Amino acid sequence: QKERALSGLLGQGDVRGLSLMKRISQATFDEAVKENTDEFGMDFDEAVKEALEQFKSQGCDLSNISINENTEQGKDDDKK
């Protein structure tokens, strides 16, 4: 219901609804992908898809998330 209401607001150009969404960090997303591969034996693509679905179902804003080769390892910051 929350997503439907938010879509309606955004579709009308009303951005007030954006505050209803929770934004997760890249590190949180990367850790979820890593957990999916390590604990559930998923391959990278499946782990990313599952993480995306889970966070979307919780109403999270994923607009700041990027998916790259470091996502799987959960080590985005280690390569800098």
Protein backbone atom coordinates (compact mmCIF):
# COMPACT_ATOMS: atom_id res chain seq x y z
CA GLN A 1 0.00 0.00 0.00
CA LYS A 2 2.80 2.40 0.89
CA GLU A 3 4.52 1.82 -2.47
CA ARG A 4 1.28 2.37 -4.36
CA ALA A 5 0.66 5.64 -2.55
CA LEU A 6 4.23 6.73 -3.17
CA SER A 7 4.00 5.85 -6.87
CA GLY A 8 0.83 7.90 -7.12
CA LEU A 9 2.46 10.92 -5.54
CA LEU A 10 5.60 10.67 -7.64
CA GLY A 11 3.57 10.12 -10.79
CA GLN A 12 1.92 13.47 -10.14
CA GLY A 13 5.27 15.18 -9.58
CA ASP A 14 4.78 15.35 -5.81
CA VAL A 15 8.11 14.56 -4.14
CA ARG A 16 6.84 14.76 -0.55
CA GLY A 17 6.47 10.98 -0.59
CA LEU A 18 10.19 10.45 -0.95
CA SER A 19 10.61 10.89 2.79
CA LEU A 20 8.50 7.75 3.29
CA MET A 21 11.22 5.57 1.80
CA LYS A 22 14.19 4.24 3.75
CA ARG A 23 17.57 4.66 2.07
CA ILE A 24 20.11 1.93 2.64
CA SER A 25 23.86 2.35 2.31
CA GLN A 26 26.03 0.68 -0.31
CA ALA A 27 27.76 -1.22 2.49
CA THR A 28 24.43 -2.62 3.74
CA PHE A 29 23.48 -3.75 0.25
CA ASP A 30 26.91 -5.29 -0.35
CA GLU A 31 26.70 -7.18 2.93
CA ALA A 32 23.27 -8.57 2.02
CA VAL A 33 24.66 -9.82 -1.31
CA LYS A 34 27.66 -11.35 0.45
CA GLU A 35 25.38 -13.07 2.95
CA ASN A 36 23.27 -14.49 0.11
CA THR A 37 26.35 -15.96 -1.59
CA ASP A 38 28.09 -17.19 1.58
CA GLU A 39 25.17 -18.51 3.61
CA PHE A 40 22.69 -19.52 0.93
CA GLY A 41 25.06 -20.61 -1.83
CA MET A 42 23.59 -18.26 -4.42
CA ASP A 43 25.61 -17.18 -7.43
CA PHE A 44 26.34 -13.45 -7.75
CA ASP A 45 23.44 -12.55 -10.08
CA GLU A 46 20.94 -14.50 -8.00
CA ALA A 47 22.26 -12.94 -4.77
CA VAL A 48 21.95 -9.42 -6.19
CA LYS A 49 18.42 -10.09 -7.47
CA GLU A 50 17.36 -11.47 -4.09
CA ALA A 51 18.85 -8.52 -2.21
CA LEU A 52 17.11 -6.06 -4.54
CA GLU A 53 13.77 -7.83 -4.11
CA GLN A 54 14.09 -7.94 -0.32
CA PHE A 55 14.97 -4.26 0.06
CA LYS A 56 12.27 -3.20 -2.41
CA SER A 57 9.68 -5.25 -0.51
CA GLN A 58 10.67 -3.31 2.61
CA GLY A 59 10.09 0.00 0.83
CA CYS A 60 13.76 0.95 0.60
CA ASP A 61 15.09 3.59 -1.76
CA LEU A 62 17.78 1.88 -3.86
CA SER A 63 18.59 4.84 -6.11
CA ASN A 64 22.04 5.23 -4.57
CA ILE A 65 23.04 1.58 -4.97
CA SER A 66 25.53 0.51 -7.60
CA ILE A 67 26.26 -3.08 -8.51
CA ASN A 68 29.82 -3.98 -9.46
CA GLU A 69 32.41 -6.71 -9.01
CA ASN A 70 33.12 -5.50 -5.45
CA THR A 71 29.50 -5.95 -4.38
CA GLU A 72 29.88 -9.72 -4.26
CA GLN A 73 32.83 -9.54 -1.92
CA GLY A 74 31.31 -6.86 0.31
CA LYS A 75 34.62 -5.01 0.00
CA ASP A 76 33.77 -1.83 -1.86
CA ASP A 77 35.82 0.28 0.56
CA ASP A 78 38.82 -2.07 0.65
CA LYS A 79 39.78 -1.43 -2.97
CA LYS A 80 40.17 2.34 -2.55
